[in-house]
C-alpha cells in the first residue's frame, strides 16, 4: 500500500499529524501546508489526525514537516 495516489487531478498524499484537537487546529495545519508550492487542496481532520493533500507533484516530506511545525503540530509520517 502506498501513501501517494495519482488521481488524475494531482497526487493525493495522506499524512498523520499529532496534536490537532479542533477546527482551529485543522485550519492552521491546512493553511501552512496549503502555502507550499504545488499544493491544490488540503483537508485536515482533527478527530483522526489525518491530513489529505492534493499536489501537482510529490511533496518533499521535510517541507511538509516544516509547515506542520510552523502551525505548532508534529508530523508523525504518512498513512
C-alpha atoms as a PDB file:
ATOM      1  CA  UNK A   1       0.000   0.000   0.000  1.00  0.00           C
ATOM      2  CA  UNK A   2       1.338   3.417  -0.916  1.00  0.00           C
ATOM      3  CA  UNK A   3       0.670   6.748   0.728  1.00  0.00           C
ATOM      4  CA  UNK A   4       0.547   8.539  -2.628  1.00  0.00           C
ATOM      5  CA  UNK A   5      -2.039   8.108  -5.370  1.00  0.00           C
ATOM      6  CA  UNK A   6      -2.255   9.872  -8.707  1.00  0.00           C
ATOM      7  CA  UNK A   7      -5.936  10.789  -9.057  1.00  0.00           C
ATOM      8  CA  UNK A   8      -5.669  12.474 -12.451  1.00  0.00           C
ATOM      9  CA  UNK A   9      -6.133  15.875 -10.831  1.00  0.00           C
ATOM     10  CA  UNK A  10      -2.899  15.578  -8.906  1.00  0.00           C
ATOM     11  CA  UNK A  11      -1.139  13.386  -6.399  1.00  0.00           C
ATOM     12  CA  UNK A  12      -3.011  12.649  -3.183  1.00  0.00           C
ATOM     13  CA  UNK A  13      -0.900  12.036  -0.084  1.00  0.00           C
ATOM     14  CA  UNK A  14      -2.238  11.343   3.416  1.00  0.00           C
ATOM     15  CA  UNK A  15      -0.158  12.444   6.396  1.00  0.00           C
ATOM     16  CA  UNK A  16      -0.622  11.779  10.108  1.00  0.00           C
ATOM     17  CA  UNK A  17      -0.343  14.863  12.325  1.00  0.00           C
ATOM     18  CA  UNK A  18      -0.169  14.773  16.128  1.00  0.00           C
ATOM     19  CA  UNK A  19      -1.774  17.434  18.311  1.00  0.00           C
ATOM     20  CA  UNK A  20      -4.791  18.635  16.329  1.00  0.00           C
ATOM     21  CA  UNK A  21      -7.869  18.818  18.568  1.00  0.00           C
ATOM     22  CA  UNK A  22     -10.336  21.212  16.921  1.00  0.00           C
ATOM     23  CA  UNK A  23     -11.373  23.113  13.818  1.00  0.00           C
ATOM     24  CA  UNK A  24      -8.865  25.874  14.536  1.00  0.00           C
ATOM     25  CA  UNK A  25      -6.091  23.269  14.540  1.00  0.00           C
ATOM     26  CA  UNK A  26      -7.327  21.897  11.214  1.00  0.00           C
ATOM     27  CA  UNK A  27      -7.311  25.401   9.723  1.00  0.00           C
ATOM     28  CA  UNK A  28      -3.810  26.196  10.975  1.00  0.00           C
ATOM     29  CA  UNK A  29      -2.346  22.996   9.516  1.00  0.00           C
ATOM     30  CA  UNK A  30      -4.261  23.362   6.236  1.00  0.00           C
ATOM     31  CA  UNK A  31      -3.128  26.973   5.842  1.00  0.00           C
ATOM     32  CA  UNK A  32       0.569  26.185   6.320  1.00  0.00           C
ATOM     33  CA  UNK A  33       0.591  23.111   4.073  1.00  0.00           C
ATOM     34  CA  UNK A  34      -1.599  24.889   1.517  1.00  0.00           C
ATOM     35  CA  UNK A  35       1.083  27.556   1.145  1.00  0.00           C
ATOM     36  CA  UNK A  36       3.594  25.014  -0.209  1.00  0.00           C
ATOM     37  CA  UNK A  37       4.332  25.185  -3.944  1.00  0.00           C
ATOM     38  CA  UNK A  38       2.160  22.858  -5.993  1.00  0.00           C
ATOM     39  CA  UNK A  39      -0.485  22.176  -3.337  1.00  0.00           C
ATOM     40  CA  UNK A  40      -4.017  22.481  -4.705  1.00  0.00           C
ATOM     41  CA  UNK A  41      -6.076  21.061  -1.832  1.00  0.00           C
ATOM     42  CA  UNK A  42      -5.673  20.265   1.872  1.00  0.00           C
ATOM     43  CA  UNK A  43      -8.188  18.590   4.178  1.00  0.00           C
ATOM     44  CA  UNK A  44      -7.242  18.188   7.835  1.00  0.00           C
ATOM     45  CA  UNK A  45      -9.374  16.121  10.232  1.00  0.00           C
ATOM     46  CA  UNK A  46      -8.608  16.643  13.916  1.00  0.00           C
ATOM     47  CA  UNK A  47     -10.561  13.566  15.045  1.00  0.00           C
ATOM     48  CA  UNK A  48      -8.270  11.198  13.116  1.00  0.00           C
ATOM     49  CA  UNK A  49      -5.156  13.341  12.804  1.00  0.00           C
ATOM     50  CA  UNK A  50      -5.199  12.736   9.059  1.00  0.00           C
ATOM     51  CA  UNK A  51      -4.274  15.455   6.597  1.00  0.00           C
ATOM     52  CA  UNK A  52      -5.036  14.718   2.947  1.00  0.00           C
ATOM     53  CA  UNK A  53      -3.041  16.800   0.478  1.00  0.00           C
ATOM     54  CA  UNK A  54      -3.504  17.023  -3.291  1.00  0.00           C
ATOM     55  CA  UNK A  55      -0.491  18.399  -5.154  1.00  0.00           C
ATOM     56  CA  UNK A  56       0.758  18.699  -8.702  1.00  0.00           C
ATOM     57  CA  UNK A  57       3.894  16.686  -7.877  1.00  0.00           C
ATOM     58  CA  UNK A  58       5.154  14.670  -4.898  1.00  0.00           C
ATOM     59  CA  UNK A  59       5.929  16.936  -1.953  1.00  0.00           C
ATOM     60  CA  UNK A  60       9.184  16.963  -0.049  1.00  0.00           C
ATOM     61  CA  UNK A  61       8.492  15.378   3.344  1.00  0.00           C
ATOM     62  CA  UNK A  62      10.790  17.860   5.076  1.00  0.00           C
ATOM     63  CA  UNK A  63       8.868  20.800   3.577  1.00  0.00           C
ATOM     64  CA  UNK A  64       5.616  19.297   4.855  1.00  0.00           C
ATOM     65  CA  UNK A  65       7.216  18.678   8.266  1.00  0.00           C
ATOM     66  CA  UNK A  66       8.380  22.309   8.427  1.00  0.00           C
ATOM     67  CA  UNK A  67       4.887  23.550   7.517  1.00  0.00           C
ATOM     68  CA  UNK A  68       3.276  21.374  10.206  1.00  0.00           C
ATOM     69  CA  UNK A  69       5.901  22.535  12.740  1.00  0.00           C
ATOM     70  CA  UNK A  70       5.179  26.162  11.812  1.00  0.00           C
ATOM     71  CA  UNK A  71       1.495  25.535  12.565  1.00  0.00           C
ATOM     72  CA  UNK A  72       2.503  24.198  16.003  1.00  0.00           C
ATOM     73  CA  UNK A  73       1.934  20.474  15.477  1.00  0.00           C
ATOM     74  CA  UNK A  74       4.011  17.353  14.835  1.00  0.00           C
ATOM     75  CA  UNK A  75       4.161  15.360  11.618  1.00  0.00           C
ATOM     76  CA  UNK A  76       4.130  11.667  12.537  1.00  0.00           C
ATOM     77  CA  UNK A  77       4.559  10.493   8.938  1.00  0.00           C
ATOM     78  CA  UNK A  78       2.462   9.267   6.033  1.00  0.00           C
ATOM     79  CA  UNK A  79      -0.529   6.983   6.350  1.00  0.00           C
END
